[in-house]
Amino acid sequence: MHDSVIKPTTLEEAWQQGLQQGLAQVALNILREGIDIAQVAKLTGLPIERIVSLQNNDLDDQTLVKDFLELSESSLNKIWLDPQEDEAWKNL
């Protein structure tokens, strides 16, 4: 039977990728607590440019979610403005 062998470089690359993803998540969590970018860079060891990029992407994601929720609520309000319809659907 042929045993599978993981190359050391592949294992090292996977470990490094996981480490970087973890550091990025920690950086985002710290940013969300209101800590300034320079301090986040010092605490995580990530370059300031990477932290700024993470922050911008996070803000973009938050804006997309906010916009989606507002549009959804607006659409639903147009559909369910009639109390009689609400009453009719209540027991279904």
PDB file of N, CA and C in Angstrom:
ATOM      1  N   MET A   1       0.839  -1.176   0.000  1.00  0.00           N
ATOM      2  CA  MET A   1       0.000   0.000   0.000  1.00  0.00           C
ATOM      3  C   MET A   1       0.885   1.240   0.000  1.00  0.00           C
ATOM      4  N   HIS A   2       0.432   2.294  -0.668  1.00  0.00           N
ATOM      5  CA  HIS A   2       1.214   3.515  -0.788  1.00  0.00           C
ATOM      6  C   HIS A   2       0.793   4.508   0.295  1.00  0.00           C
ATOM      7  N   ASP A   3       1.736   4.891   1.138  1.00  0.00           N
ATOM      8  CA  ASP A   3       1.443   5.866   2.192  1.00  0.00           C
ATOM      9  C   ASP A   3       1.518   7.281   1.640  1.00  0.00           C
ATOM     10  N   SER A   4       0.561   8.119   2.042  1.00  0.00           N
ATOM     11  CA  SER A   4       0.605   9.527   1.650  1.00  0.00           C
ATOM     12  C   SER A   4       1.612  10.254   2.517  1.00  0.00           C
ATOM     13  N   VAL A   5       2.415  11.052   1.866  1.00  0.00           N
ATOM     14  CA  VAL A   5       3.411  11.834   2.582  1.00  0.00           C
ATOM     15  C   VAL A   5       3.174  13.302   2.253  1.00  0.00           C
ATOM     16  N   ILE A   6       3.050  14.106   3.299  1.00  0.00           N
ATOM     17  CA  ILE A   6       2.898  15.544   3.100  1.00  0.00           C
ATOM     18  C   ILE A   6       4.283  16.152   3.069  1.00  0.00           C
ATOM     19  N   LYS A   7       4.543  16.895   2.008  1.00  0.00           N
ATOM     20  CA  LYS A   7       5.840  17.539   1.888  1.00  0.00           C
ATOM     21  C   LYS A   7       6.003  18.570   2.999  1.00  0.00           C
ATOM     22  N   PRO A   8       7.196  18.663   3.572  1.00  0.00           N
ATOM     23  CA  PRO A   8       7.424  19.660   4.625  1.00  0.00           C
ATOM     24  C   PRO A   8       7.115  21.086   4.167  1.00  0.00           C
ATOM     25  N   THR A   9       7.405  21.402   2.902  1.00  0.00           N
ATOM     26  CA  THR A   9       7.134  22.763   2.428  1.00  0.00           C
ATOM     27  C   THR A   9       5.639  23.034   2.379  1.00  0.00           C
ATOM     28  N   THR A  10       4.849  22.032   1.993  1.00  0.00           N
ATOM     29  CA  THR A  10       3.400  22.197   1.945  1.00  0.00           C
ATOM     30  C   THR A  10       2.845  22.407   3.346  1.00  0.00           C
ATOM     31  N   LEU A  11       3.314  21.633   4.293  1.00  0.00           N
ATOM     32  CA  LEU A  11       2.878  21.758   5.673  1.00  0.00           C
ATOM     33  C   LEU A  11       3.267  23.125   6.234  1.00  0.00           C
ATOM     34  N   GLU A  12       4.477  23.559   5.953  1.00  0.00           N
ATOM     35  CA  GLU A  12       4.953  24.865   6.414  1.00  0.00           C
ATOM     36  C   GLU A  12       4.124  25.990   5.790  1.00  0.00           C
ATOM     37  N   GLU A  13       3.821  25.873   4.495  1.00  0.00           N
ATOM     38  CA  GLU A  13       3.008  26.893   3.819  1.00  0.00           C
ATOM     39  C   GLU A  13       1.611  26.959   4.426  1.00  0.00           C
ATOM     40  N   ALA A  14       1.029  25.808   4.695  1.00  0.00           N
ATOM     41  CA  ALA A  14      -0.305  25.765   5.293  1.00  0.00           C
ATOM     42  C   ALA A  14      -0.284  26.392   6.686  1.00  0.00           C
ATOM     43  N   TRP A  15       0.745  26.085   7.445  1.00  0.00           N
ATOM     44  CA  TRP A  15       0.876  26.645   8.788  1.00  0.00           C
ATOM     45  C   TRP A  15       1.007  28.169   8.720  1.00  0.00           C
ATOM     46  N   GLN A  16       1.836  28.655   7.809  1.00  0.00           N
ATOM     47  CA  GLN A  16       2.032  30.099   7.650  1.00  0.00           C
ATOM     48  C   GLN A  16       0.731  30.789   7.228  1.00  0.00           C
ATOM     49  N   GLN A  17      -0.003  30.163   6.312  1.00  0.00           N
ATOM     50  CA  GLN A  17      -1.265  30.735   5.857  1.00  0.00           C
ATOM     51  C   GLN A  17      -2.257  30.825   7.020  1.00  0.00           C
ATOM     52  N   GLY A  18      -2.339  29.769   7.804  1.00  0.00           N
ATOM     53  CA  GLY A  18      -3.224  29.774   8.968  1.00  0.00           C
ATOM     54  C   GLY A  18      -2.826  30.839   9.977  1.00  0.00           C
ATOM     55  N   LEU A  19      -1.533  30.987  10.184  1.00  0.00           N
ATOM     56  CA  LEU A  19      -1.026  32.002  11.104  1.00  0.00           C
ATOM     57  C   LEU A  19      -1.411  33.401  10.621  1.00  0.00           C
ATOM     58  N   GLN A  20      -1.225  33.664   9.334  1.00  0.00           N
ATOM     59  CA  GLN A  20      -1.548  34.981   8.777  1.00  0.00           C
ATOM     60  C   GLN A  20      -3.051  35.269   8.867  1.00  0.00           C
ATOM     61  N   GLN A  21      -3.865  34.259   8.619  1.00  0.00           N
ATOM     62  CA  GLN A  21      -5.315  34.441   8.734  1.00  0.00           C
ATOM     63  C   GLN A  21      -5.706  34.742  10.180  1.00  0.00           C
ATOM     64  N   GLY A  22      -5.075  34.045  11.106  1.00  0.00           N
ATOM     65  CA  GLY A  22      -5.343  34.292  12.521  1.00  0.00           C
ATOM     66  C   GLY A  22      -4.931  35.692  12.944  1.00  0.00           C
ATOM     67  N   LEU A  23      -3.754  36.122  12.496  1.00  0.00           N
ATOM     68  CA  LEU A  23      -3.288  37.471  12.822  1.00  0.00           C
ATOM     69  C   LEU A  23      -4.209  38.533  12.222  1.00  0.00           C
ATOM     70  N   ALA A  24      -4.685  38.290  11.013  1.00  0.00           N
ATOM     71  CA  ALA A  24      -5.603  39.236  10.375  1.00  0.00           C
ATOM     72  C   ALA A  24      -6.899  39.352  11.177  1.00  0.00           C
ATOM     73  N   GLN A  25      -7.409  38.224  11.662  1.00  0.00           N
ATOM     74  CA  GLN A  25      -8.641  38.257  12.452  1.00  0.00           C
ATOM     75  C   GLN A  25      -8.418  38.966  13.779  1.00  0.00           C
ATOM     76  N   VAL A  26      -7.287  38.712  14.411  1.00  0.00           N
ATOM     77  CA  VAL A  26      -6.957  39.400  15.665  1.00  0.00           C
ATOM     78  C   VAL A  26      -6.858  40.903  15.416  1.00  0.00           C
ATOM     79  N   ALA A  27      -6.200  41.296  14.327  1.00  0.00           N
ATOM     80  CA  ALA A  27      -6.067  42.715  13.991  1.00  0.00           C
ATOM     81  C   ALA A  27      -7.444  43.358  13.816  1.00  0.00           C
ATOM     82  N   LEU A  28      -8.342  42.684  13.114  1.00  0.00           N
ATOM     83  CA  LEU A  28      -9.700  43.216  12.937  1.00  0.00           C
ATOM     84  C   LEU A  28     -10.421  43.366  14.270  1.00  0.00           C
ATOM     85  N   ASN A  29     -10.287  42.373  15.122  1.00  0.00           N
ATOM     86  CA  ASN A  29     -10.933  42.438  16.432  1.00  0.00           C
ATOM     87  C   ASN A  29     -10.406  43.615  17.246  1.00  0.00           C
ATOM     88  N   ILE A  30      -9.093  43.833  17.195  1.00  0.00           N
ATOM     89  CA  ILE A  30      -8.493  44.947  17.930  1.00  0.00           C
ATOM     90  C   ILE A  30      -8.967  46.273  17.340  1.00  0.00           C
ATOM     91  N   LEU A  31      -8.999  46.377  16.012  1.00  0.00           N
ATOM     92  CA  LEU A  31      -9.482  47.600  15.363  1.00  0.00           C
ATOM     93  C   LEU A  31     -10.919  47.907  15.768  1.00  0.00           C
ATOM     94  N   ARG A  32     -11.738  46.880  15.834  1.00  0.00           N
ATOM     95  CA  ARG A  32     -13.146  47.071  16.196  1.00  0.00           C
ATOM     96  C   ARG A  32     -13.308  47.567  17.631  1.00  0.00           C
ATOM     97  N   GLU A  33     -12.290  47.346  18.442  1.00  0.00           N
ATOM     98  CA  GLU A  33     -12.300  47.855  19.817  1.00  0.00           C
ATOM     99  C   GLU A  33     -11.845  49.307  19.895  1.00  0.00           C
ATOM    100  N   GLY A  34     -11.467  49.870  18.748  1.00  0.00           N
ATOM    101  CA  GLY A  34     -11.098  51.276  18.706  1.00  0.00           C
ATOM    102  C   GLY A  34      -9.623  51.572  18.912  1.00  0.00           C
ATOM    103  N   ILE A  35      -8.791  50.540  18.884  1.00  0.00           N
ATOM    104  CA  ILE A  35      -7.349  50.740  19.039  1.00  0.00           C
ATOM    105  C   ILE A  35      -6.792  51.288  17.726  1.00  0.00           C
ATOM    106  N   ASP A  36      -5.859  52.246  17.816  1.00  0.00           N
ATOM    107  CA  ASP A  36      -5.348  52.859  16.583  1.00  0.00           C
ATOM    108  C   ASP A  36      -4.449  51.901  15.802  1.00  0.00           C
ATOM    109  N   ILE A  37      -4.325  52.195  14.516  1.00  0.00           N
ATOM    110  CA  ILE A  37      -3.649  51.312  13.562  1.00  0.00           C
ATOM    111  C   ILE A  37      -2.198  51.040  13.950  1.00  0.00           C
ATOM    112  N   ALA A  38      -1.484  52.055  14.402  1.00  0.00           N
ATOM    113  CA  ALA A  38      -0.077  51.869  14.779  1.00  0.00           C
ATOM    114  C   ALA A  38       0.050  50.869  15.925  1.00  0.00           C
ATOM    115  N   GLN A  39      -0.852  50.946  16.887  1.00  0.00           N
ATOM    116  CA  GLN A  39      -0.823  50.017  18.025  1.00  0.00           C
ATOM    117  C   GLN A  39      -1.180  48.601  17.564  1.00  0.00           C
ATOM    118  N   VAL A  40      -2.131  48.485  16.648  1.00  0.00           N
ATOM    119  CA  VAL A  40      -2.504  47.166  16.109  1.00  0.00           C
ATOM    120  C   VAL A  40      -1.304  46.544  15.400  1.00  0.00           C
ATOM    121  N   ALA A  41      -0.591  47.354  14.628  1.00  0.00           N
ATOM    122  CA  ALA A  41       0.608  46.867  13.930  1.00  0.00           C
ATOM    123  C   ALA A  41       1.647  46.378  14.932  1.00  0.00           C
ATOM    124  N   LYS A  42       1.831  47.121  15.997  1.00  0.00           N
ATOM    125  CA  LYS A  42       2.810  46.743  17.024  1.00  0.00           C
ATOM    126  C   LYS A  42       2.407  45.432  17.709  1.00  0.00           C
ATOM    127  N   LEU A  43       1.127  45.292  18.010  1.00  0.00           N
ATOM    128  CA  LEU A  43       0.650  44.106  18.727  1.00  0.00           C
ATOM    129  C   LEU A  43       0.649  42.840  17.873  1.00  0.00           C
ATOM    130  N   THR A  44       0.354  42.990  16.585  1.00  0.00           N
ATOM    131  CA  THR A  44       0.235  41.812  15.720  1.00  0.00           C
ATOM    132  C   THR A  44       1.477  41.526  14.889  1.00  0.00           C
ATOM    133  N   GLY A  45       2.311  42.550  14.706  1.00  0.00           N
ATOM    134  CA  GLY A  45       3.477  42.386  13.843  1.00  0.00           C
ATOM    135  C   GLY A  45       3.148  42.504  12.363  1.00  0.00           C
ATOM    136  N   LEU A  46       1.901  42.831  12.047  1.00  0.00           N
ATOM    137  CA  LEU A  46       1.506  43.016  10.650  1.00  0.00           C
ATOM    138  C   LEU A  46       1.902  44.412  10.185  1.00  0.00           C
ATOM    139  N   PRO A  47       2.223  44.553   8.896  1.00  0.00           N
ATOM    140  CA  PRO A  47       2.538  45.886   8.373  1.00  0.00           C
ATOM    141  C   PRO A  47       1.305  46.797   8.407  1.00  0.00           C
ATOM    142  N   ILE A  48       1.542  48.072   8.606  1.00  0.00           N
ATOM    143  CA  ILE A  48       0.446  49.041   8.671  1.00  0.00           C
ATOM    144  C   ILE A  48      -0.407  48.990   7.408  1.00  0.00           C
ATOM    145  N   GLU A  49       0.230  48.810   6.250  1.00  0.00           N
ATOM    146  CA  GLU A  49      -0.521  48.751   4.991  1.00  0.00           C
ATOM    147  C   GLU A  49      -1.538  47.616   5.006  1.00  0.00           C
ATOM    148  N   ARG A  50      -1.148  46.474   5.561  1.00  0.00           N
ATOM    149  CA  ARG A  50      -2.053  45.310   5.638  1.00  0.00           C
ATOM    150  C   ARG A  50      -3.221  45.611   6.577  1.00  0.00           C
ATOM    151  N   ILE A  51      -2.941  46.281   7.671  1.00  0.00           N
ATOM    152  CA  ILE A  51      -3.990  46.610   8.638  1.00  0.00           C
ATOM    153  C   ILE A  51      -4.975  47.610   8.039  1.00  0.00           C
ATOM    154  N   VAL A  52      -4.463  48.601   7.321  1.00  0.00           N
ATOM    155  CA  VAL A  52      -5.337  49.573   6.655  1.00  0.00           C
ATOM    156  C   VAL A  52      -6.227  48.854   5.643  1.00  0.00           C
ATOM    157  N   SER A  53      -5.655  47.923   4.901  1.00  0.00           N
ATOM    158  CA  SER A  53      -6.420  47.153   3.923  1.00  0.00           C
ATOM    159  C   SER A  53      -7.516  46.335   4.612  1.00  0.00           C
ATOM    160  N   LEU A  54      -7.176  45.683   5.718  1.00  0.00           N
ATOM    161  CA  LEU A  54      -8.165  44.908   6.474  1.00  0.00           C
ATOM    162  C   LEU A  54      -9.291  45.812   6.967  1.00  0.00           C
ATOM    163  N   GLN A  55      -8.915  46.979   7.477  1.00  0.00           N
ATOM    164  CA  GLN A  55      -9.905  47.917   7.996  1.00  0.00           C
ATOM    165  C   GLN A  55     -10.834  48.396   6.880  1.00  0.00           C
ATOM    166  N   ASN A  56     -10.270  48.731   5.734  1.00  0.00           N
ATOM    167  CA  ASN A  56     -11.085  49.196   4.608  1.00  0.00           C
ATOM    168  C   ASN A  56     -12.035  48.111   4.119  1.00  0.00           C
ATOM    169  N   ASN A  57     -11.538  46.881   4.021  1.00  0.00           N
ATOM    170  CA  ASN A  57     -12.393  45.766   3.594  1.00  0.00           C
ATOM    171  C   ASN A  57     -13.508  45.516   4.599  1.00  0.00           C
ATOM    172  N   ASP A  58     -13.179  45.629   5.891  1.00  0.00           N
ATOM    173  CA  ASP A  58     -14.175  45.420   6.933  1.00  0.00           C
ATOM    174  C   ASP A  58     -15.258  46.495   6.861  1.00  0.00           C
ATOM    175  N   LEU A  59     -14.845  47.744   6.651  1.00  0.00           N
ATOM    176  CA  LEU A  59     -15.814  48.835   6.526  1.00  0.00           C
ATOM    177  C   LEU A  59     -16.699  48.636   5.302  1.00  0.00           C
ATOM    178  N   ASP A  60     -16.097  48.187   4.191  1.00  0.00           N
ATOM    179  CA  ASP A  60     -16.873  47.904   2.981  1.00  0.00           C
ATOM    180  C   ASP A  60     -17.906  46.813   3.245  1.00  0.00           C
ATOM    181  N   ASP A  61     -17.482  45.746   3.951  1.00  0.00           N
ATOM    182  CA  ASP A  61     -18.398  44.649   4.270  1.00  0.00           C
ATOM    183  C   ASP A  61     -19.542  45.136   5.154  1.00  0.00           C
ATOM    184  N   GLN A  62     -19.216  45.956   6.160  1.00  0.00           N
ATOM    185  CA  GLN A  62     -20.248  46.479   7.055  1.00  0.00           C
ATOM    186  C   GLN A  62     -21.233  47.362   6.292  1.00  0.00           C
ATOM    187  N   THR A  63     -20.723  48.161   5.356  1.00  0.00           N
ATOM    188  CA  THR A  63     -21.580  49.028   4.550  1.00  0.00           C
ATOM    189  C   THR A  63     -22.502  48.199   3.665  1.00  0.00           C
ATOM    190  N   LEU A  64     -21.964  47.132   3.065  1.00  0.00           N
ATOM    191  CA  LEU A  64     -22.791  46.264   2.222  1.00  0.00           C
ATOM    192  C   LEU A  64     -23.922  45.635   3.019  1.00  0.00           C
ATOM    193  N   VAL A  65     -23.617  45.148   4.204  1.00  0.00           N
ATOM    194  CA  VAL A  65     -24.640  44.521   5.047  1.00  0.00           C
ATOM    195  C   VAL A  65     -25.691  45.552   5.444  1.00  0.00           C
ATOM    196  N   LYS A  66     -25.246  46.730   5.855  1.00  0.00           N
ATOM    197  CA  LYS A  66     -26.172  47.801   6.251  1.00  0.00           C
ATOM    198  C   LYS A  66     -27.084  48.179   5.083  1.00  0.00           C
ATOM    199  N   ASP A  67     -26.496  48.370   3.908  1.00  0.00           N
ATOM    200  CA  ASP A  67     -27.289  48.719   2.728  1.00  0.00           C
ATOM    201  C   ASP A  67     -28.296  47.624   2.393  1.00  0.00           C
ATOM    202  N   PHE A  68     -27.862  46.372   2.469  1.00  0.00           N
ATOM    203  CA  PHE A  68     -28.751  45.249   2.180  1.00  0.00           C
ATOM    204  C   PHE A  68     -29.931  45.225   3.149  1.00  0.00           C
ATOM    205  N   LEU A  69     -29.650  45.407   4.437  1.00  0.00           N
ATOM    206  CA  LEU A  69     -30.720  45.384   5.429  1.00  0.00           C
ATOM    207  C   LEU A  69     -31.702  46.531   5.223  1.00  0.00           C
ATOM    208  N   GLU A  70     -31.178  47.710   4.906  1.00  0.00           N
ATOM    209  CA  GLU A  70     -32.057  48.854   4.656  1.00  0.00           C
ATOM    210  C   GLU A  70     -32.934  48.622   3.430  1.00  0.00           C
ATOM    211  N   LEU A  71     -32.354  48.085   2.365  1.00  0.00           N
ATOM    212  CA  LEU A  71     -33.131  47.809   1.160  1.00  0.00           C
ATOM    213  C   LEU A  71     -34.178  46.733   1.410  1.00  0.00           C
ATOM    214  N   SER A  72     -33.806  45.717   2.177  1.00  0.00           N
ATOM    215  CA  SER A  72     -34.756  44.646   2.491  1.00  0.00           C
ATOM    216  C   SER A  72     -35.929  45.189   3.286  1.00  0.00           C
ATOM    217  N   GLU A  73     -35.625  46.008   4.295  1.00  0.00           N
ATOM    218  CA  GLU A  73     -36.690  46.582   5.114  1.00  0.00           C
ATOM    219  C   GLU A  73     -37.587  47.488   4.275  1.00  0.00           C
ATOM    220  N   SER A  74     -36.974  48.276   3.415  1.00  0.00           N
ATOM    221  CA  SER A  74     -37.732  49.171   2.541  1.00  0.00           C
ATOM    222  C   SER A  74     -38.665  48.372   1.630  1.00  0.00           C
ATOM    223  N   SER A  75     -38.165  47.292   1.067  1.00  0.00           N
ATOM    224  CA  SER A  75     -38.980  46.453   0.180  1.00  0.00           C
ATOM    225  C   SER A  75     -40.122  45.804   0.939  1.00  0.00           C
ATOM    226  N   LEU A  76     -39.838  45.307   2.125  1.00  0.00           N
ATOM    227  CA  LEU A  76     -40.881  44.657   2.916  1.00  0.00           C
ATOM    228  C   LEU A  76     -41.949  45.657   3.348  1.00  0.00           C
ATOM    229  N   ASN A  77     -41.533  46.868   3.672  1.00  0.00           N
ATOM    230  CA  ASN A  77     -42.511  47.885   4.063  1.00  0.00           C
ATOM    231  C   ASN A  77     -43.469  48.206   2.928  1.00  0.00           C
ATOM    232  N   LYS A  78     -42.988  48.155   1.700  1.00  0.00           N
ATOM    233  CA  LYS A  78     -43.852  48.424   0.548  1.00  0.00           C
ATOM    234  C   LYS A  78     -44.875  47.308   0.370  1.00  0.00           C
ATOM    235  N   ILE A  79     -44.493  46.100   0.737  1.00  0.00           N
ATOM    236  CA  ILE A  79     -45.372  44.948   0.552  1.00  0.00           C
ATOM    237  C   ILE A  79     -46.388  44.837   1.684  1.00  0.00           C
ATOM    238  N   TRP A  80     -45.939  45.028   2.930  1.00  0.00           N
ATOM    239  CA  TRP A  80     -46.795  44.795   4.088  1.00  0.00           C
ATOM    240  C   TRP A  80     -47.153  46.084   4.823  1.00  0.00           C
ATOM    241  N   LEU A  81     -47.798  46.970   4.126  1.00  0.00           N
ATOM    242  CA  LEU A  81     -48.239  48.195   4.779  1.00  0.00           C
ATOM    243  C   LEU A  81     -49.707  48.125   5.204  1.00  0.00           C
ATOM    244  N   ASP A  82     -50.408  47.125   4.737  1.00  0.00           N
ATOM    245  CA  ASP A  82     -51.843  47.019   4.979  1.00  0.00           C
ATOM    246  C   ASP A  82     -52.116  46.150   6.209  1.00  0.00           C
ATOM    247  N   PRO A  83     -52.648  46.723   7.297  1.00  0.00           N
ATOM    248  CA  PRO A  83     -52.931  45.943   8.509  1.00  0.00           C
ATOM    249  C   PRO A  83     -53.931  44.812   8.268  1.00  0.00           C
ATOM    250  N   GLN A  84     -54.844  44.991   7.309  1.00  0.00           N
ATOM    251  CA  GLN A  84     -55.814  43.935   7.019  1.00  0.00           C
ATOM    252  C   GLN A  84     -55.114  42.699   6.457  1.00  0.00           C
ATOM    253  N   GLU A  85     -54.106  42.924   5.616  1.00  0.00           N
ATOM    254  CA  GLU A  85     -53.343  41.793   5.089  1.00  0.00           C
ATOM    255  C   GLU A  85     -52.574  41.101   6.207  1.00  0.00           C
ATOM    256  N   ASP A  86     -52.002  41.894   7.101  1.00  0.00           N
ATOM    257  CA  ASP A  86     -51.285  41.306   8.233  1.00  0.00           C
ATOM    258  C   ASP A  86     -52.216  40.415   9.046  1.00  0.00           C
ATOM    259  N   GLU A  87     -53.420  40.887   9.280  1.00  0.00           N
ATOM    260  CA  GLU A  87     -54.402  40.126  10.040  1.00  0.00           C
ATOM    261  C   GLU A  87     -54.768  38.841   9.303  1.00  0.00           C
ATOM    262  N   ALA A  88     -54.912  38.919   8.000  1.00  0.00           N
ATOM    263  CA  ALA A  88     -55.285  37.752   7.202  1.00  0.00           C
ATOM    264  C   ALA A  88     -54.190  36.686   7.217  1.00  0.00           C
ATOM    265  N   TRP A  89     -52.935  37.101   7.234  1.00  0.00           N
ATOM    266  CA  TRP A  89     -51.818  36.159   7.187  1.00  0.00           C
ATOM    267  C   TRP A  89     -51.418  35.643   8.573  1.00  0.00           C
ATOM    268  N   LYS A  90     -51.905  36.265   9.607  1.00  0.00           N
ATOM    269  CA  LYS A  90     -51.465  35.978  10.967  1.00  0.00           C
ATOM    270  C   LYS A  90     -51.606  34.501  11.347  1.00  0.00           C
ATOM    271  N   ASN A  91     -52.673  33.874  10.967  1.00  0.00           N
ATOM    272  CA  ASN A  91     -52.949  32.505  11.409  1.00  0.00           C
ATOM    273  C   ASN A  91     -52.516  31.429  10.423  1.00  0.00           C
ATOM    274  N   LEU A  92     -51.849  31.808   9.369  1.00  0.00           N
ATOM    275  CA  LEU A  92     -51.419  30.807   8.385  1.00  0.00           C
ATOM    276  C   LEU A  92     -50.138  30.140   8.786  1.00  0.00           C
TER     277      LEU A  92
END
